[in-house]
Structure formats: structure tokens, C-alpha cells
Protein backbone atom coordinates (compact mmCIF):
# COMPACT_ATOMS: atom_id res chain seq x y z
CA MET A 1 -112.94 10.14 125.36
CA LYS A 2 -109.33 9.03 125.08
CA LYS A 3 -107.85 7.50 128.19
CA ILE A 4 -104.14 7.52 128.86
CA ILE A 5 -102.63 4.55 130.62
CA SER A 6 -99.94 5.36 133.19
CA THR A 7 -99.01 3.19 136.16
CA LEU A 8 -100.28 0.13 138.00
CA LEU A 9 -102.17 0.80 141.23
CA ALA A 10 -102.81 -2.83 142.17
CA THR A 11 -101.79 -6.29 141.05
CA THR A 12 -105.38 -7.14 140.11
CA LEU A 13 -105.57 -4.31 137.61
CA ALA A 14 -104.29 -4.62 134.09
CA ALA A 15 -101.86 -1.76 133.41
CA THR A 16 -104.86 0.50 133.66
CA ALA A 17 -104.66 2.40 136.78
CA ALA A 18 -104.42 6.16 136.18
CA PHE A 19 -106.81 7.06 133.41
CA ALA A 20 -108.20 10.43 132.47
CA ALA A 21 -111.59 11.30 133.94
CA ASP A 22 -114.68 10.38 131.94
CA ILE A 23 -116.02 13.94 132.26
CA VAL A 24 -114.16 17.14 133.10
CA ALA A 25 -116.33 19.89 134.60
CA GLN A 26 -115.15 23.28 133.42
CA LYS A 27 -115.01 26.17 135.89
CA VAL A 28 -117.36 29.02 134.91
CA ASP A 29 -118.37 32.32 136.42
CA ALA A 30 -122.09 32.01 135.84
CA ASP A 31 -125.35 31.40 137.66
CA LEU A 32 -126.22 27.72 137.20
CA THR A 33 -129.54 27.66 139.04
CA LYS A 34 -131.63 28.02 135.85
CA VAL A 35 -129.47 26.22 133.32
CA SER A 36 -130.76 25.08 129.91
CA TYR A 37 -129.24 23.72 126.72
CA THR A 38 -129.15 27.30 125.36
CA SER A 39 -126.95 28.59 128.20
CA PRO A 40 -123.93 30.26 126.56
CA PHE A 41 -121.23 28.46 128.54
CA TRP A 42 -122.02 25.15 126.80
CA LYS A 43 -120.45 26.53 123.61
CA SER A 44 -116.97 26.33 125.16
CA ALA A 45 -117.58 23.35 127.47
CA LYS A 46 -115.69 20.07 127.02
CA PHE A 47 -117.96 17.30 125.75
CA SER A 48 -117.17 13.62 126.33
CA GLU A 49 -118.64 10.58 124.64
CA VAL A 50 -120.03 8.04 127.09
CA THR A 51 -121.67 4.69 126.37
CA MET A 52 -125.09 3.73 127.68
CA TYR A 53 -125.90 0.02 127.81
CA PRO A 54 -129.33 -1.62 127.61
CA GLN A 55 -130.51 -2.75 131.01
CA THR A 56 -131.17 -6.47 130.81
CA ALA A 57 -130.98 -7.63 134.43
CA ILE A 58 -134.71 -8.30 134.73
CA LYS A 59 -137.00 -9.88 132.15
CA MET A 60 -140.18 -7.81 132.06
CA ASN A 61 -143.62 -9.41 132.04
CA ASP A 62 -144.50 -7.43 128.92
CA LYS A 63 -144.35 -9.39 125.68
CA THR A 64 -144.50 -6.30 123.46
CA ALA A 65 -141.80 -4.44 125.36
CA ASN A 66 -139.55 -7.49 125.41
CA LYS A 67 -139.88 -7.86 121.64
CA LEU A 68 -139.18 -4.16 121.01
CA ASN A 69 -136.04 -4.31 123.13
CA SER A 70 -134.78 -7.78 122.20
CA ASP A 71 -132.01 -6.51 119.94
CA ASN A 72 -130.95 -3.32 121.67
CA GLY A 73 -127.38 -2.22 121.20
CA ALA A 74 -125.47 0.28 123.28
CA LYS A 75 -125.98 3.99 122.62
CA ILE A 76 -123.67 6.98 122.71
CA ALA A 77 -124.41 10.14 124.66
CA ASN A 78 -122.38 13.34 124.68
CA VAL A 79 -121.98 14.90 128.09
CA ALA A 80 -120.55 18.18 129.31
CA ALA A 81 -120.35 19.58 132.82
CA VAL A 82 -119.60 22.97 134.35
CA TYR A 83 -119.37 24.24 137.91
CA ASN A 84 -119.03 27.59 139.66
CA GLY A 85 -117.86 26.55 143.10
CA LYS A 86 -121.37 26.18 144.53
CA GLU A 87 -123.34 24.34 141.87
CA VAL A 88 -122.55 21.82 139.17
CA ALA A 89 -124.52 21.47 135.92
CA PHE A 90 -124.68 18.78 133.23
CA LEU A 91 -125.82 18.73 129.62
CA VAL A 92 -126.61 15.28 128.19
CA VAL A 93 -127.29 14.91 124.45
CA TRP A 94 -128.39 11.67 122.81
CA ASP A 95 -129.99 10.58 119.53
CA ASP A 96 -133.62 9.54 119.39
CA VAL A 97 -135.46 9.36 116.06
CA THR A 98 -138.87 9.63 117.73
CA MET A 99 -140.17 12.13 120.27
CA ASN A 100 -142.40 10.40 122.78
CA ILE A 101 -144.44 12.51 125.16
CA GLN A 102 -146.30 11.10 128.15
CA THR A 103 -149.99 11.71 127.44
CA GLY A 104 -151.51 10.30 130.59
CA TYR A 105 -151.38 7.31 132.90
CA LYS A 106 -151.48 4.43 130.45
CA THR A 107 -149.94 0.97 130.38
CA ASP A 108 -149.05 1.10 126.70
CA SER A 109 -147.66 4.64 126.37
CA TYR A 110 -144.41 5.84 127.88
CA ALA A 111 -142.25 8.93 127.63
CA ASP A 112 -138.70 9.67 126.66
CA GLY A 113 -136.66 10.90 129.58
CA PHE A 114 -133.36 10.93 131.40
CA ALA A 115 -131.99 10.75 134.92
CA LEU A 116 -128.74 11.49 136.70
CA GLN A 117 -127.69 9.66 139.84
CA PHE A 118 -125.14 10.64 142.49
CA PRO A 119 -123.93 8.76 145.58
CA SER A 120 -125.03 10.54 148.72
CA GLU A 121 -121.49 10.09 150.01
CA VAL A 122 -118.43 8.19 148.81
CA LYS A 123 -116.63 6.46 151.66
CA ASP A 124 -114.84 3.89 149.51
CA VAL A 125 -114.42 4.39 145.75
CA ASN A 126 -114.22 0.61 145.32
CA LYS A 127 -117.64 0.15 146.93
CA LEU A 128 -119.89 2.53 145.07
CA PRO A 129 -123.69 2.09 145.35
CA TYR A 130 -125.52 -0.14 142.92
CA ILE A 131 -126.50 1.64 139.71
CA GLY A 132 -130.10 2.85 139.66
CA MET A 133 -131.23 2.19 143.20
CA GLY A 134 -128.32 2.39 145.65
CA SER A 135 -127.56 -0.28 148.22
CA ASP A 136 -127.58 -0.82 151.99
CA ASN A 137 -125.72 1.98 153.77
CA ARG A 138 -124.85 3.46 150.35
CA PRO A 139 -127.77 5.70 149.37
CA VAL A 140 -128.05 7.63 146.13
CA ALA A 141 -129.85 10.77 144.98
CA VAL A 142 -131.66 10.41 141.65
CA TYR A 143 -132.96 13.26 139.48
CA LEU A 144 -135.53 12.35 136.82
CA GLN A 145 -136.95 14.41 133.96
CA LYS A 146 -139.62 13.00 131.61
CA ALA A 147 -141.19 14.46 128.49
CA VAL A 148 -144.85 15.13 129.28
CA ARG A 149 -147.71 17.12 127.83
CA GLY A 150 -148.95 20.19 129.68
CA PHE A 151 -150.67 19.66 133.01
CA TYR A 152 -152.36 22.16 135.29
CA GLU A 153 -152.83 21.01 138.83
CA PRO A 154 -151.13 20.92 141.15
CA ASN A 155 -149.35 24.00 139.84
CA GLY A 156 -149.68 26.30 142.77
CA ASP A 157 -152.63 28.53 141.97
CA GLY A 158 -155.45 26.17 142.94
CA ASN A 159 -157.57 27.29 139.98
CA VAL A 160 -159.13 24.29 138.25
CA TYR A 161 -161.39 26.39 136.02
CA TYR A 162 -158.88 26.36 133.19
CA GLN A 163 -158.89 22.57 133.11
CA LEU A 164 -162.35 22.79 131.63
CA ASN A 165 -162.66 21.31 128.14
CA ARG A 166 -162.56 24.21 125.70
CA ASN A 167 -165.69 22.87 123.96
CA GLN A 168 -167.61 23.24 127.22
CA THR A 169 -166.84 26.92 127.71
CA GLU A 170 -169.17 29.72 126.74
CA PHE A 171 -166.46 31.24 124.54
CA PHE A 172 -166.31 31.52 120.76
CA GLY A 173 -163.95 33.13 118.26
CA PRO A 174 -161.51 35.66 119.80
CA GLU A 175 -162.69 34.92 123.34
CA LEU A 176 -161.96 31.20 122.90
CA LYS A 177 -158.49 32.07 121.62
CA LYS A 178 -157.92 34.12 124.77
CA PHE A 179 -159.05 31.15 126.86
CA ASP A 180 -156.69 28.80 125.01
CA LYS A 181 -153.81 31.24 125.50
CA LYS A 182 -154.54 31.47 129.21
CA VAL A 183 -154.64 27.68 129.55
CA LYS A 184 -151.31 27.34 127.77
CA GLY A 185 -149.78 30.04 129.96
CA ILE A 186 -150.64 28.44 133.29
CA GLY A 187 -149.86 24.87 132.24
CA SER A 188 -146.61 23.10 132.99
CA ASN A 189 -144.69 20.45 131.05
CA ASP A 190 -141.93 20.18 133.61
CA TYR A 191 -142.00 16.63 134.99
CA GLU A 192 -139.08 16.90 137.38
CA LYS A 193 -138.77 14.54 140.33
CA SER A 194 -136.03 13.81 142.84
CA PHE A 195 -135.56 10.61 144.83
CA VAL A 196 -133.36 9.03 147.47
CA SER A 197 -132.77 5.30 147.47
CA GLU A 198 -130.80 2.86 149.58
CA GLY A 199 -131.47 -0.41 147.86
CA PHE A 200 -134.23 -2.63 146.55
CA ARG A 201 -137.74 -1.21 147.18
CA SER A 202 -136.45 1.84 149.06
CA MET A 203 -136.77 4.58 146.42
CA THR A 204 -138.54 7.55 148.00
CA GLU A 205 -139.52 10.82 146.36
CA ILE A 206 -138.08 13.98 147.89
CA LYS A 207 -141.00 16.25 148.68
CA ASP A 208 -139.54 18.77 151.10
CA ALA A 209 -138.32 22.22 150.07
CA SER A 210 -134.85 20.91 149.23
CA LYS A 211 -136.19 19.28 146.03
CA TYR A 212 -136.03 22.74 144.50
CA ASN A 213 -132.27 22.79 144.96
CA SER A 214 -132.13 20.89 141.68
CA TYR A 215 -133.25 22.20 138.31
CA SER A 216 -133.60 20.08 135.17
CA ARG A 217 -135.01 20.62 131.70
CA LEU A 218 -135.53 18.50 128.59
CA SER A 219 -135.64 19.72 124.97
CA TYR A 220 -135.97 17.93 121.62
CA LYS A 221 -134.36 19.25 118.43
CA ASP A 222 -133.02 17.69 115.22
CA LYS A 223 -133.85 14.16 116.43
CA LYS A 224 -131.82 14.65 119.58
CA TRP A 225 -132.79 15.04 123.19
CA MET A 226 -130.91 17.58 125.28
CA GLY A 227 -131.27 17.20 129.02
CA THR A 228 -129.83 19.59 131.57
CA LEU A 229 -129.53 19.30 135.32
CA ALA A 230 -128.10 21.68 137.89
CA ARG A 231 -127.73 20.97 141.59
CA PRO A 232 -125.60 22.13 144.52
CA ILE A 233 -122.23 20.48 144.91
CA SER A 234 -123.38 19.68 148.43
CA ASP A 235 -126.82 19.50 150.02
CA SER A 236 -128.64 17.29 152.51
CA TYR A 237 -129.06 14.47 149.98
CA ALA A 238 -125.66 14.27 148.28
CA THR A 239 -122.29 15.67 149.26
CA LEU A 240 -120.10 15.69 146.18
CA ASN A 241 -116.33 15.78 146.53
CA LYS A 242 -114.93 19.14 145.45
CA SER A 243 -112.24 17.46 143.34
CA ALA A 244 -114.07 14.54 141.71
CA PHE A 245 -117.23 12.53 142.16
CA PRO A 246 -119.16 9.74 140.38
CA VAL A 247 -122.28 10.20 138.29
CA ALA A 248 -124.42 7.69 136.40
CA ILE A 249 -126.77 8.53 133.54
CA ALA A 250 -129.93 6.77 132.37
CA THR A 251 -132.18 7.43 129.38
CA TRP A 252 -135.56 6.03 128.38
CA ASP A 253 -137.00 5.51 124.91
CA GLY A 254 -140.78 5.82 124.98
CA ALA A 255 -141.07 4.31 121.49
CA LYS A 256 -139.77 1.05 122.99
CA LEU A 257 -142.03 1.31 126.05
CA GLY A 258 -139.05 2.26 128.18
CA ARG A 259 -139.69 2.52 131.92
CA ASP A 260 -138.37 1.11 135.18
CA GLY A 261 -136.15 -1.82 134.15
CA ILE A 262 -136.18 -0.97 130.44
CA LYS A 263 -133.65 1.79 129.95
CA TYR A 264 -130.09 2.59 128.90
CA LEU A 265 -127.45 2.97 131.61
CA THR A 266 -123.91 4.21 131.88
CA PRO A 267 -121.62 2.74 134.49
CA TRP A 268 -120.43 5.06 137.24
CA LEU A 269 -118.54 7.82 135.44
CA SER A 270 -115.81 9.90 137.03
CA VAL A 271 -116.37 13.66 136.99
CA GLU A 272 -113.28 15.74 137.67
CA LEU A 273 -113.67 19.39 138.62
CA GLU A 274 -111.23 21.47 136.60
CA GLY A 275 -108.49 22.78 138.84
CA GLY A 276 -109.33 20.33 141.63
CA GLN A 277 -106.93 18.11 143.53
CA ASP A 278 -105.87 14.54 142.72
CA ALA A 279 -108.80 12.44 141.49
CA SER A 280 -106.80 9.35 140.51
CA ALA A 281 -108.39 6.99 143.06
CA LEU A 282 -111.93 7.56 141.80
CA ILE A 283 -110.87 7.52 138.16
CA ALA A 284 -109.06 4.21 138.66
CA ALA A 285 -112.05 2.68 140.45
CA THR A 286 -114.53 3.59 137.71
CA SER A 287 -112.18 2.70 134.83
CA ALA A 288 -110.39 -0.38 136.17
CA LYS A 289 -110.07 -3.44 133.96
CA VAL A 290 -109.16 -6.50 135.99
CA LYS A 291 -106.10 -8.41 134.89
CA GLY A 292 -107.24 -11.93 134.17
CA ASP A 293 -107.57 -14.62 131.53
CA VAL A 294 -110.97 -14.08 129.86
CA ALA A 295 -111.08 -17.59 128.35
CA LYS A 296 -110.35 -19.19 131.72
CA GLY A 297 -112.91 -16.89 133.33
CA LYS A 298 -115.61 -18.02 130.91
CA GLU A 299 -114.71 -21.64 131.64
CA ALA A 300 -114.84 -20.98 135.40
CA VAL A 301 -118.30 -19.41 135.08
CA SER A 302 -119.47 -22.58 133.32
CA THR A 303 -117.71 -24.94 135.73
CA ASN A 304 -119.17 -23.22 138.80
CA GLY A 305 -122.73 -23.47 137.53
CA CYS A 306 -123.46 -19.76 137.14
CA ALA A 307 -125.70 -20.46 134.12
CA GLY A 308 -127.95 -22.49 136.40
CA CYS A 309 -129.40 -19.23 137.69
CA HIS A 310 -128.20 -16.49 135.32
CA GLN A 311 -128.40 -15.79 131.64
CA ILE A 312 -124.72 -15.20 130.95
CA GLU A 313 -124.49 -13.99 127.35
CA LEU A 314 -127.36 -12.51 125.38
CA SER A 315 -127.27 -15.49 123.00
CA ASP A 316 -127.93 -17.87 125.91
CA PRO A 317 -131.48 -18.90 126.81
CA VAL A 318 -133.26 -16.62 129.25
CA ASN A 319 -132.93 -17.91 132.80
CA LEU A 320 -135.47 -16.53 135.23
CA MET A 321 -133.77 -17.88 138.36
CA GLY A 322 -131.54 -14.82 138.75
CA PRO A 323 -130.65 -11.50 137.10
CA SER A 324 -129.31 -11.64 133.56
CA LEU A 325 -125.59 -10.83 133.28
CA ALA A 326 -125.74 -10.16 129.54
CA ASN A 327 -124.74 -6.49 129.89
CA ILE A 328 -123.25 -6.50 133.38
CA GLY A 329 -119.82 -5.54 132.04
CA GLY A 330 -121.30 -2.38 130.58
CA TYR A 331 -122.68 -0.78 133.72
CA ALA A 332 -120.88 -2.48 136.61
CA THR A 333 -117.50 -1.48 138.00
CA ALA A 334 -114.79 -4.03 138.76
CA GLY A 335 -115.36 -3.33 142.46
CA TYR A 336 -119.06 -4.15 142.19
CA LEU A 337 -118.38 -7.42 140.35
CA ARG A 338 -115.84 -8.46 142.96
CA GLU A 339 -118.17 -7.63 145.83
CA SER A 340 -121.05 -9.50 144.16
CA LEU A 341 -118.95 -12.68 144.00
CA LEU A 342 -117.57 -12.43 147.52
CA ASN A 343 -120.61 -10.98 149.28
CA PRO A 344 -123.78 -11.56 147.19
CA SER A 345 -126.06 -10.17 149.89
CA ALA A 346 -124.42 -6.73 149.73
CA VAL A 347 -126.82 -5.81 146.90
CA ILE A 348 -130.09 -7.57 146.16
CA VAL A 349 -131.23 -6.78 142.61
CA PRO A 350 -135.03 -6.41 142.20
CA GLY A 351 -136.82 -9.70 141.58
CA TYR A 352 -138.16 -12.31 142.09
CA ASN A 353 -139.57 -12.87 138.59
CA ARG A 354 -143.00 -14.47 138.84
CA ASN A 355 -142.17 -16.69 135.88
CA ALA A 356 -139.29 -18.37 137.73
CA HIS A 357 -139.58 -21.68 139.53
CA SER A 358 -142.11 -21.29 142.31
CA ASN A 359 -139.86 -23.01 144.84
CA TYR A 360 -136.81 -20.87 144.12
CA MET A 361 -136.41 -17.34 145.47
CA TRP A 362 -133.62 -14.89 144.72
CA TYR A 363 -133.38 -14.09 148.40
CA THR A 364 -134.70 -15.07 151.80
CA LEU A 365 -135.48 -12.93 154.84
CA ASP A 366 -133.37 -13.20 157.97
CA ASN A 367 -134.68 -10.95 160.76
CA GLY A 368 -136.05 -8.61 158.13
CA LYS A 369 -132.83 -8.45 156.12
CA ARG A 370 -132.74 -9.80 152.57
CA VAL A 371 -130.15 -12.54 152.14
CA SER A 372 -129.16 -13.61 148.64
CA SER A 373 -129.75 -17.22 147.62
CA MET A 374 -126.50 -17.08 145.65
CA THR A 375 -123.53 -18.81 147.19
CA ASP A 376 -120.46 -16.69 147.87
CA TYR A 377 -117.19 -17.45 146.12
CA THR A 378 -114.78 -16.55 148.90
CA TRP A 379 -113.22 -20.01 148.50
CA LEU A 380 -111.94 -19.23 145.00
CA ASP A 381 -108.24 -18.48 144.63
CA ALA A 382 -107.34 -14.92 143.63
CA GLU A 383 -106.33 -15.88 140.08
CA SER A 384 -109.63 -17.64 139.33
CA LEU A 385 -111.59 -14.77 140.83
CA ASN A 386 -109.76 -12.28 138.62
CA ASP A 387 -110.33 -14.48 135.56
CA ILE A 388 -114.09 -14.51 136.22
CA ILE A 389 -114.26 -10.75 136.73
CA ALA A 390 -112.20 -10.15 133.58
CA TYR A 391 -114.69 -12.28 131.64
CA LEU A 392 -117.74 -10.58 133.16
CA GLN A 393 -116.33 -7.22 132.15
CA THR A 394 -116.55 -8.31 128.49
CA LEU A 395 -120.31 -8.90 128.73
CA LYS A 396 -121.75 -5.79 127.12
CA ALA A 397 -123.55 -4.82 123.94
CA GLU A 398 -121.85 -3.18 121.00
CA VAL A 399 -122.87 0.32 119.96
CA LYS A 400 -125.48 0.35 117.17
């Protein structure tokens, strides 16, 4: 989506401040509670291209998965949004040459899927929650949909008879066809789950009645997945601003054993409700490019020993002492990068990798609170800090 540069909002931003929103939600007069990719309003909705970057923060202990994902590039998704004053709905479309369906609980078979994430509340647009899991005092609501084969219980009727293997029934011919039809009719392939999360190891599934306030579906056609989600603009788990709010999108590729830390992520994207009030602050925060000297920033990263704990660029050797930064510029905002340098304990990324040095931990515990082992860089002058952030923002994969 084209972004139009207008005026400076801060000295640390490169002539970038007032951009257009990443996604514009069109106002519709329609019921959004049962939305699907066939809903008629999508034909006139405004689609935006967004980039999803391979998540590389954590090195998985799965040799096959690591090999399958070793050369991942960024991927493009097309996203549209609509709202009716009470609910907001999204349609996410992305290419996938293989359709992977979850066929059971296995360690070598995973499903395609997608998720949308919303901050529970935005108090400061420059301090958005960490992508994927939220952060202390900044919870998120996450809505996940996976492609699964039909399952039968729990599906509400308590009847396990139709889980019987068809070859063990007393039916033959037409009667067996009736049995098969009945089984298909009561089965479900809707793997829809909602979560709240406020940081590392805090993700909790929503199991009260409010989980049904969201509605998502997943469909595969012409080597593309189409995922839809509808939810209230405000509920007990996320209160979205009626003018603009952030959303982040994740997709999984089952063919590459995608799960947990193996997925594609967008950064926080700004969603502007058509006809709403000024959304420039959020748009600037999600789009900001820090004004700095990239070459000097790269040199400062080397001089300050960052590579001692982090893999910096994808071509660098894997370093298991800390999270990889190889794609951090793809899915982190400028505000997150700044906070990570000045206050590393604000967000503790999942670790510690068991393959790292046994005497080195990513964090320690202080009265039950996780404290990062990374030093803070509050002593850096403003220019050097901006140079480093400008360099980190360049660390992202190209679209393949």
C-alpha cells in the first residue's frame, strides 16, 4: 500500500511521520457475526498488501524444521477489513502451494493456519505489546484458526456412537452410506481458539462464554488460504479505539512444520476505521523509520558486542546466547527497538535455548520477576542510539 510522507513529528524520525494507514476498514451496513470469504461486502472492500516476515528469534530443537525453514523469505498477504459500528471483520488471503490439514496429535505433522492479535488496550502507541505474546502490563488478545480434519467430541451432543469406526458397524450398502452421512453432518472442522497473553509463558485460552464473541473461518482455494475473523470492536478482552487500532497477523505453513516459533509475522499494522477521527499518532508509531546512519549503527552494534549474544544478520553464525535479530526489523516497531535497548527487561523473549552455554541464562529471577541478562544502553548518546535503531530496522528478509 502506498504511503504518503507529510510532516516530521519528532526529531528522531526520518521525514516519515504522517503516513497512510496500513489497512482501512470500510463502513458497511451488514451483520458481521457470521462472516466468511464469500460475504458480498468483500467485493467492494479495500485490500492492502502487507508483508509477513519469517520468525527467527528462537532456534528450534528440530533439525528437520530448521532445515525446511533455513531459507525462508518474506511473504505477501492481502488484507481487507470492514466494520459496522459494533463489530469489525478481517479477510486475510495468502499464497500456499500445499494444503496441510492437522490429522491428529503428532510431532511430525502440522497444520496451516492463521491468527490475528490485538492489544487489549493501547495506552501509549509508542509502547505496544510484544508481537505474539504481549508483555507485562500490556496484554493481547489472540485469535487462532487452524486447518483440521473433522472431529466429533466435544461438539455439544455427547453422542460418541458416531465415532465408531465404520468397519465396525453392523451397516452395509445404503445403510452404511446413511451412517457416513450422519457422521459427516455432526463432525466439526472448526479449530477456533482465543487466548489472552501478558508476556512470556502467560498465554491462556479463553474458555468462558465470551470466546463466542469472535468468529473465524479458514478456506483453501486456487492455492490460496482465505482466513476471516469477526469480533466486537470492544469486549472484555480487547477494547479497540473507534478511530484506529493496531493488529498483527501470523500465518503457519504446515508443509514446513510451522508451529509456535516457526511462523510468518507482520509487524503491528495500523487499522483506520473509515470516517473515524485523526489516527496519525498510531499510524506514525507503526510506520516510523528512525533517522540515523545505518553504517554507523552497524559499526556500533559490532563495537558494543551485540554479536556476543545475538545472531545479527542471517548470514552470521547462529548464536544461542540470545534471540536472533535477523528479522527483527520486519516485525518490530521503532518504539519496541528503542525500549529493548533502554529497558531490556520490559519484554523477555521466550528462551533459554537448551543448546546455549549452561552457565549463561537469558534472564534471572528477582522476587519472581524475570530480569534480562542484557545490559541496558541508557548511557549511549541519542545519535548513536538512533544509528543502532536505524540499522536494526534494516534487518529483514526480502519477499520471495
